[in-house]
Structures are given as structure tokens and as C-alpha cells.
Amino acid sequence: MDIGKKLYEYLSAAKITQTDLSIRSGISTSKICMVLRGKRKLSLEEYEIICYCLSLPPGTFLEARQPKFLIEA
């Protein structure tokens, strides 16, 4: 599951709107909307800002991934 989908689910459960997150983070509503739809990726800085604004640790929406060369072997 990607970060945008996890973030969308979190915001829905917490009843936080995209506009609220935009105001808190300083990231435009259009960028947030695109991230939540999976049409845009967050930069590391944007991700850190969002986690800070939501009072969440940075690992909240992340999953470790195995390198491709290990998968193909």
C-alpha cells in the first residue's frame, strides 16, 4: 500500500480534511489531493512536514522494501 492511500485512510478516520492539512502544513491543497489519489509522490521534506503537523512519527506510513536484486534472485 502506498503512502498516499495510507494517508488518505488516516485523514478520513481522524476526520481531517485536505484543506485542514494544507493549512497546517503549508502544502497546497492541490498537491495533497494529487498525493491522496496516487497521482503525485511526496518529497521527503513534505512527508516530514505532514507527519509533524499530524503529530505522528515519520515511520507511521512507511514500509520497508526488499531491494529488487534480492527479489529477482
PDB file of N, CA and C in Angstrom:
ATOM      1  N   MET A   1       0.858  -1.174   0.000  1.00  0.00           N
ATOM      2  CA  MET A   1       0.000   0.000   0.000  1.00  0.00           C
ATOM      3  C   MET A   1       0.904   1.238   0.000  1.00  0.00           C
ATOM      4  N   ASP A   2       0.552   2.222  -0.799  1.00  0.00           N
ATOM      5  CA  ASP A   2       1.406   3.403  -0.881  1.00  0.00           C
ATOM      6  C   ASP A   2       1.069   4.442   0.188  1.00  0.00           C
ATOM      7  N   ILE A   3       1.964   5.392   0.350  1.00  0.00           N
ATOM      8  CA  ILE A   3       1.822   6.409   1.385  1.00  0.00           C
ATOM      9  C   ILE A   3       0.548   7.225   1.190  1.00  0.00           C
ATOM     10  N   GLY A   4       0.242   7.590  -0.047  1.00  0.00           N
ATOM     11  CA  GLY A   4      -0.952   8.387  -0.313  1.00  0.00           C
ATOM     12  C   GLY A   4      -2.227   7.721   0.174  1.00  0.00           C
ATOM     13  N   LYS A   5      -2.335   6.423  -0.074  1.00  0.00           N
ATOM     14  CA  LYS A   5      -3.527   5.685   0.355  1.00  0.00           C
ATOM     15  C   LYS A   5      -3.590   5.594   1.881  1.00  0.00           C
ATOM     16  N   LYS A   6      -2.450   5.323   2.501  1.00  0.00           N
ATOM     17  CA  LYS A   6      -2.409   5.245   3.966  1.00  0.00           C
ATOM     18  C   LYS A   6      -2.749   6.598   4.582  1.00  0.00           C
ATOM     19  N   LEU A   7      -2.221   7.649   3.991  1.00  0.00           N
ATOM     20  CA  LEU A   7      -2.504   8.996   4.488  1.00  0.00           C
ATOM     21  C   LEU A   7      -3.980   9.321   4.327  1.00  0.00           C
ATOM     22  N   TYR A   8      -4.554   8.945   3.185  1.00  0.00           N
ATOM     23  CA  TYR A   8      -5.982   9.167   2.942  1.00  0.00           C
ATOM     24  C   TYR A   8      -6.827   8.473   4.017  1.00  0.00           C
ATOM     25  N   GLU A   9      -6.504   7.219   4.297  1.00  0.00           N
ATOM     26  CA  GLU A   9      -7.242   6.458   5.305  1.00  0.00           C
ATOM     27  C   GLU A   9      -7.108   7.093   6.683  1.00  0.00           C
ATOM     28  N   TYR A  10      -5.900   7.553   7.007  1.00  0.00           N
ATOM     29  CA  TYR A  10      -5.686   8.198   8.305  1.00  0.00           C
ATOM     30  C   TYR A  10      -6.512   9.480   8.415  1.00  0.00           C
ATOM     31  N   LEU A  11      -6.447  10.318   7.389  1.00  0.00           N
ATOM     32  CA  LEU A  11      -7.183  11.581   7.412  1.00  0.00           C
ATOM     33  C   LEU A  11      -8.688  11.333   7.520  1.00  0.00           C
ATOM     34  N   SER A  12      -9.179  10.345   6.795  1.00  0.00           N
ATOM     35  CA  SER A  12     -10.609  10.011   6.861  1.00  0.00           C
ATOM     36  C   SER A  12     -11.006   9.576   8.264  1.00  0.00           C
ATOM     37  N   ALA A  13     -10.230   8.687   8.855  1.00  0.00           N
ATOM     38  CA  ALA A  13     -10.536   8.180  10.190  1.00  0.00           C
ATOM     39  C   ALA A  13     -10.458   9.290  11.243  1.00  0.00           C
ATOM     40  N   ALA A  14      -9.504  10.216  11.057  1.00  0.00           N
ATOM     41  CA  ALA A  14      -9.315  11.303  12.021  1.00  0.00           C
ATOM     42  C   ALA A  14     -10.215  12.508  11.714  1.00  0.00           C
ATOM     43  N   LYS A  15     -10.970  12.392  10.617  1.00  0.00           N
ATOM     44  CA  LYS A  15     -11.857  13.485  10.185  1.00  0.00           C
ATOM     45  C   LYS A  15     -11.091  14.793   9.968  1.00  0.00           C
ATOM     46  N   ILE A  16      -9.947  14.654   9.301  1.00  0.00           N
ATOM     47  CA  ILE A  16      -9.131  15.811   8.937  1.00  0.00           C
ATOM     48  C   ILE A  16      -9.282  16.005   7.429  1.00  0.00           C
ATOM     49  N   THR A  17      -9.670  17.188   7.017  1.00  0.00           N
ATOM     50  CA  THR A  17      -9.869  17.451   5.595  1.00  0.00           C
ATOM     51  C   THR A  17      -8.539  17.780   4.924  1.00  0.00           C
ATOM     52  N   GLN A  18      -8.538  17.692   3.601  1.00  0.00           N
ATOM     53  CA  GLN A  18      -7.361  18.069   2.831  1.00  0.00           C
ATOM     54  C   GLN A  18      -7.039  19.543   3.055  1.00  0.00           C
ATOM     55  N   THR A  19      -8.073  20.361   3.165  1.00  0.00           N
ATOM     56  CA  THR A  19      -7.879  21.788   3.411  1.00  0.00           C
ATOM     57  C   THR A  19      -7.231  22.016   4.772  1.00  0.00           C
ATOM     58  N   ASP A  20      -7.695  21.295   5.793  1.00  0.00           N
ATOM     59  CA  ASP A  20      -7.094  21.408   7.127  1.00  0.00           C
ATOM     60  C   ASP A  20      -5.605  21.050   7.077  1.00  0.00           C
ATOM     61  N   LEU A  21      -5.285  19.938   6.415  1.00  0.00           N
ATOM     62  CA  LEU A  21      -3.895  19.512   6.311  1.00  0.00           C
ATOM     63  C   LEU A  21      -3.075  20.535   5.535  1.00  0.00           C
ATOM     64  N   SER A  22      -3.648  21.092   4.499  1.00  0.00           N
ATOM     65  CA  SER A  22      -2.969  22.109   3.710  1.00  0.00           C
ATOM     66  C   SER A  22      -2.635  23.332   4.561  1.00  0.00           C
ATOM     67  N   ILE A  23      -3.596  23.773   5.341  1.00  0.00           N
ATOM     68  CA  ILE A  23      -3.381  24.938   6.207  1.00  0.00           C
ATOM     69  C   ILE A  23      -2.303  24.641   7.253  1.00  0.00           C
ATOM     70  N   ARG A  24      -2.384  23.468   7.868  1.00  0.00           N
ATOM     71  CA  ARG A  24      -1.409  23.095   8.909  1.00  0.00           C
ATOM     72  C   ARG A  24       0.001  22.966   8.354  1.00  0.00           C
ATOM     73  N   SER A  25       0.110  22.401   7.152  1.00  0.00           N
ATOM     74  CA  SER A  25       1.421  22.047   6.604  1.00  0.00           C
ATOM     75  C   SER A  25       2.023  23.092   5.669  1.00  0.00           C
ATOM     76  N   GLY A  26       1.188  23.941   5.091  1.00  0.00           N
ATOM     77  CA  GLY A  26       1.688  24.886   4.105  1.00  0.00           C
ATOM     78  C   GLY A  26       1.857  24.259   2.728  1.00  0.00           C
ATOM     79  N   ILE A  27       1.396  23.028   2.568  1.00  0.00           N
ATOM     80  CA  ILE A  27       1.445  22.336   1.274  1.00  0.00           C
ATOM     81  C   ILE A  27       0.097  22.576   0.599  1.00  0.00           C
ATOM     82  N   SER A  28       0.113  22.933  -0.673  1.00  0.00           N
ATOM     83  CA  SER A  28      -1.138  23.287  -1.347  1.00  0.00           C
ATOM     84  C   SER A  28      -2.137  22.131  -1.337  1.00  0.00           C
ATOM     85  N   THR A  29      -3.395  22.503  -1.318  1.00  0.00           N
ATOM     86  CA  THR A  29      -4.468  21.500  -1.335  1.00  0.00           C
ATOM     87  C   THR A  29      -4.388  20.655  -2.596  1.00  0.00           C
ATOM     88  N   SER A  30      -4.029  21.278  -3.712  1.00  0.00           N
ATOM     89  CA  SER A  30      -3.949  20.508  -4.967  1.00  0.00           C
ATOM     90  C   SER A  30      -2.849  19.451  -4.899  1.00  0.00           C
ATOM     91  N   LYS A  31      -1.707  19.775  -4.292  1.00  0.00           N
ATOM     92  CA  LYS A  31      -0.637  18.777  -4.138  1.00  0.00           C
ATOM     93  C   LYS A  31      -1.099  17.632  -3.234  1.00  0.00           C
ATOM     94  N   ILE A  32      -1.737  17.989  -2.124  1.00  0.00           N
ATOM     95  CA  ILE A  32      -2.223  16.962  -1.199  1.00  0.00           C
ATOM     96  C   ILE A  32      -3.244  16.069  -1.888  1.00  0.00           C
ATOM     97  N   CYS A  33      -4.146  16.667  -2.638  1.00  0.00           N
ATOM     98  CA  CYS A  33      -5.167  15.907  -3.369  1.00  0.00           C
ATOM     99  C   CYS A  33      -4.511  14.921  -4.336  1.00  0.00           C
ATOM    100  N   MET A  34      -3.509  15.373  -5.056  1.00  0.00           N
ATOM    101  CA  MET A  34      -2.820  14.507  -6.013  1.00  0.00           C
ATOM    102  C   MET A  34      -2.104  13.357  -5.312  1.00  0.00           C
ATOM    103  N   VAL A  35      -1.513  13.629  -4.149  1.00  0.00           N
ATOM    104  CA  VAL A  35      -0.839  12.577  -3.370  1.00  0.00           C
ATOM    105  C   VAL A  35      -1.854  11.535  -2.917  1.00  0.00           C
ATOM    106  N   LEU A  36      -2.988  12.000  -2.397  1.00  0.00           N
ATOM    107  CA  LEU A  36      -4.009  11.081  -1.887  1.00  0.00           C
ATOM    108  C   LEU A  36      -4.607  10.225  -2.995  1.00  0.00           C
ATOM    109  N   ARG A  37      -4.613  10.735  -4.215  1.00  0.00           N
ATOM    110  CA  ARG A  37      -5.118   9.976  -5.376  1.00  0.00           C
ATOM    111  C   ARG A  37      -4.056   9.086  -6.011  1.00  0.00           C
ATOM    112  N   GLY A  38      -2.816   9.210  -5.561  1.00  0.00           N
ATOM    113  CA  GLY A  38      -1.730   8.423  -6.138  1.00  0.00           C
ATOM    114  C   GLY A  38      -1.186   8.994  -7.425  1.00  0.00           C
ATOM    115  N   LYS A  39      -1.460  10.264  -7.689  1.00  0.00           N
ATOM    116  CA  LYS A  39      -1.014  10.921  -8.929  1.00  0.00           C
ATOM    117  C   LYS A  39       0.289  11.686  -8.752  1.00  0.00           C
ATOM    118  N   ARG A  40       0.752  11.799  -7.502  1.00  0.00           N
ATOM    119  CA  ARG A  40       1.964  12.541  -7.210  1.00  0.00           C
ATOM    120  C   ARG A  40       2.622  11.931  -5.980  1.00  0.00           C
ATOM    121  N   LYS A  41       3.946  11.946  -5.962  1.00  0.00           N
ATOM    122  CA  LYS A  41       4.676  11.448  -4.800  1.00  0.00           C
ATOM    123  C   LYS A  41       5.070  12.625  -3.912  1.00  0.00           C
ATOM    124  N   LEU A  42       5.171  12.355  -2.627  1.00  0.00           N
ATOM    125  CA  LEU A  42       5.639  13.362  -1.688  1.00  0.00           C
ATOM    126  C   LEU A  42       7.163  13.400  -1.690  1.00  0.00           C
ATOM    127  N   SER A  43       7.719  14.596  -1.538  1.00  0.00           N
ATOM    128  CA  SER A  43       9.154  14.680  -1.283  1.00  0.00           C
ATOM    129  C   SER A  43       9.359  14.274   0.173  1.00  0.00           C
ATOM    130  N   LEU A  44      10.579  13.951   0.525  1.00  0.00           N
ATOM    131  CA  LEU A  44      10.878  13.592   1.908  1.00  0.00           C
ATOM    132  C   LEU A  44      10.537  14.758   2.830  1.00  0.00           C
ATOM    133  N   GLU A  45      10.860  15.977   2.416  1.00  0.00           N
ATOM    134  CA  GLU A  45      10.568  17.154   3.234  1.00  0.00           C
ATOM    135  C   GLU A  45       9.065  17.318   3.454  1.00  0.00           C
ATOM    136  N   GLU A  46       8.275  17.150   2.396  1.00  0.00           N
ATOM    137  CA  GLU A  46       6.818  17.257   2.535  1.00  0.00           C
ATOM    138  C   GLU A  46       6.279  16.178   3.480  1.00  0.00           C
ATOM    139  N   TYR A  47       6.803  14.970   3.336  1.00  0.00           N
ATOM    140  CA  TYR A  47       6.382  13.867   4.191  1.00  0.00           C
ATOM    141  C   TYR A  47       6.678  14.177   5.661  1.00  0.00           C
ATOM    142  N   GLU A  48       7.883  14.660   5.921  1.00  0.00           N
ATOM    143  CA  GLU A  48       8.263  15.002   7.291  1.00  0.00           C
ATOM    144  C   GLU A  48       7.361  16.107   7.859  1.00  0.00           C
ATOM    145  N   ILE A  49       7.057  17.095   7.052  1.00  0.00           N
ATOM    146  CA  ILE A  49       6.188  18.192   7.484  1.00  0.00           C
ATOM    147  C   ILE A  49       4.795  17.667   7.821  1.00  0.00           C
ATOM    148  N   ILE A  50       4.256  16.813   6.970  1.00  0.00           N
ATOM    149  CA  ILE A  50       2.920  16.257   7.209  1.00  0.00           C
ATOM    150  C   ILE A  50       2.901  15.450   8.502  1.00  0.00           C
ATOM    151  N   CYS A  51       3.888  14.593   8.700  1.00  0.00           N
ATOM    152  CA  CYS A  51       3.951  13.807   9.938  1.00  0.00           C
ATOM    153  C   CYS A  51       4.046  14.725  11.150  1.00  0.00           C
ATOM    154  N   TYR A  52       4.854  15.755  11.065  1.00  0.00           N
ATOM    155  CA  TYR A  52       4.985  16.701  12.174  1.00  0.00           C
ATOM    156  C   TYR A  52       3.644  17.379  12.459  1.00  0.00           C
ATOM    157  N   CYS A  53       2.968  17.839  11.421  1.00  0.00           N
ATOM    158  CA  CYS A  53       1.688  18.535  11.589  1.00  0.00           C
ATOM    159  C   CYS A  53       0.598  17.629  12.150  1.00  0.00           C
ATOM    160  N   LEU A  54       0.710  16.340  11.889  1.00  0.00           N
ATOM    161  CA  LEU A  54      -0.263  15.380  12.409  1.00  0.00           C
ATOM    162  C   LEU A  54       0.198  14.772  13.739  1.00  0.00           C
ATOM    163  N   SER A  55       1.335  15.235  14.244  1.00  0.00           N
ATOM    164  CA  SER A  55       1.928  14.721  15.494  1.00  0.00           C
ATOM    165  C   SER A  55       2.147  13.213  15.439  1.00  0.00           C
ATOM    166  N   LEU A  56       2.660  12.747  14.308  1.00  0.00           N
ATOM    167  CA  LEU A  56       2.917  11.325  14.102  1.00  0.00           C
ATOM    168  C   LEU A  56       4.401  11.091  13.863  1.00  0.00           C
ATOM    169  N   PRO A  57       4.940   9.952  14.297  1.00  0.00           N
ATOM    170  CA  PRO A  57       6.333   9.652  13.997  1.00  0.00           C
ATOM    171  C   PRO A  57       6.496   9.397  12.492  1.00  0.00           C
ATOM    172  N   PRO A  58       7.655   9.734  11.938  1.00  0.00           N
ATOM    173  CA  PRO A  58       7.871   9.597  10.494  1.00  0.00           C
ATOM    174  C   PRO A  58       7.656   8.193   9.937  1.00  0.00           C
ATOM    175  N   GLY A  59       7.789   7.174  10.749  1.00  0.00           N
ATOM    176  CA  GLY A  59       7.610   5.806  10.255  1.00  0.00           C
ATOM    177  C   GLY A  59       6.163   5.377  10.110  1.00  0.00           C
ATOM    178  N   THR A  60       5.236   6.208  10.475  1.00  0.00           N
ATOM    179  CA  THR A  60       3.816   5.843  10.509  1.00  0.00           C
ATOM    180  C   THR A  60       3.293   5.283   9.188  1.00  0.00           C
ATOM    181  N   PHE A  61       3.634   5.890   8.082  1.00  0.00           N
ATOM    182  CA  PHE A  61       3.079   5.484   6.786  1.00  0.00           C
ATOM    183  C   PHE A  61       4.087   4.746   5.910  1.00  0.00           C
ATOM    184  N   LEU A  62       5.226   4.377   6.472  1.00  0.00           N
ATOM    185  CA  LEU A  62       6.290   3.742   5.689  1.00  0.00           C
ATOM    186  C   LEU A  62       6.349   2.245   5.915  1.00  0.00           C
ATOM    187  N   GLU A  63       6.808   1.529   4.895  1.00  0.00           N
ATOM    188  CA  GLU A  63       7.074   0.095   4.981  1.00  0.00           C
ATOM    189  C   GLU A  63       8.441  -0.173   4.376  1.00  0.00           C
ATOM    190  N   ALA A  64       9.205  -1.046   4.995  1.00  0.00           N
ATOM    191  CA  ALA A  64      10.498  -1.422   4.434  1.00  0.00           C
ATOM    192  C   ALA A  64      10.269  -2.233   3.161  1.00  0.00           C
ATOM    193  N   ARG A  65      11.120  -2.002   2.159  1.00  0.00           N
ATOM    194  CA  ARG A  65      11.020  -2.753   0.900  1.00  0.00           C
ATOM    195  C   ARG A  65      12.307  -3.510   0.643  1.00  0.00           C
ATOM    196  N   GLN A  66      12.141  -4.684   0.109  1.00  0.00           N
ATOM    197  CA  GLN A  66      13.286  -5.503  -0.253  1.00  0.00           C
ATOM    198  C   GLN A  66      13.857  -4.982  -1.572  1.00  0.00           C
ATOM    199  N   PRO A  67      15.189  -4.879  -1.698  1.00  0.00           N
ATOM    200  CA  PRO A  67      15.774  -4.446  -2.952  1.00  0.00           C
ATOM    201  C   PRO A  67      15.418  -5.396  -4.097  1.00  0.00           C
ATOM    202  N   LYS A  68      15.224  -4.852  -5.294  1.00  0.00           N
ATOM    203  CA  LYS A  68      14.810  -5.659  -6.449  1.00  0.00           C
ATOM    204  C   LYS A  68      15.801  -6.790  -6.757  1.00  0.00           C
ATOM    205  N   PHE A  69      17.092  -6.542  -6.594  1.00  0.00           N
ATOM    206  CA  PHE A  69      18.041  -7.593  -6.934  1.00  0.00           C
ATOM    207  C   PHE A  69      17.904  -8.811  -6.035  1.00  0.00           C
ATOM    208  N   LEU A  70      17.364  -8.654  -4.835  1.00  0.00           N
ATOM    209  CA  LEU A  70      17.127  -9.807  -3.960  1.00  0.00           C
ATOM    210  C   LEU A  70      15.854 -10.538  -4.341  1.00  0.00           C
ATOM    211  N   ILE A  71      14.892  -9.805  -4.870  1.00  0.00           N
ATOM    212  CA  ILE A  71      13.614 -10.401  -5.280  1.00  0.00           C
ATOM    213  C   ILE A  71      13.813 -11.268  -6.528  1.00  0.00           C
ATOM    214  N   GLU A  72      14.622 -10.751  -7.451  1.00  0.00           N
ATOM    215  CA  GLU A  72      14.822 -11.432  -8.738  1.00  0.00           C
ATOM    216  C   GLU A  72      15.723 -12.637  -8.628  1.00  0.00           C
ATOM    217  N   ALA A  73      16.480 -12.763  -7.560  1.00  0.00           N
ATOM    218  CA  ALA A  73      17.441 -13.860  -7.424  1.00  0.00           C
ATOM    219  C   ALA A  73      16.765 -15.191  -7.163  1.00  0.00           C
TER     220      ALA A  73
END
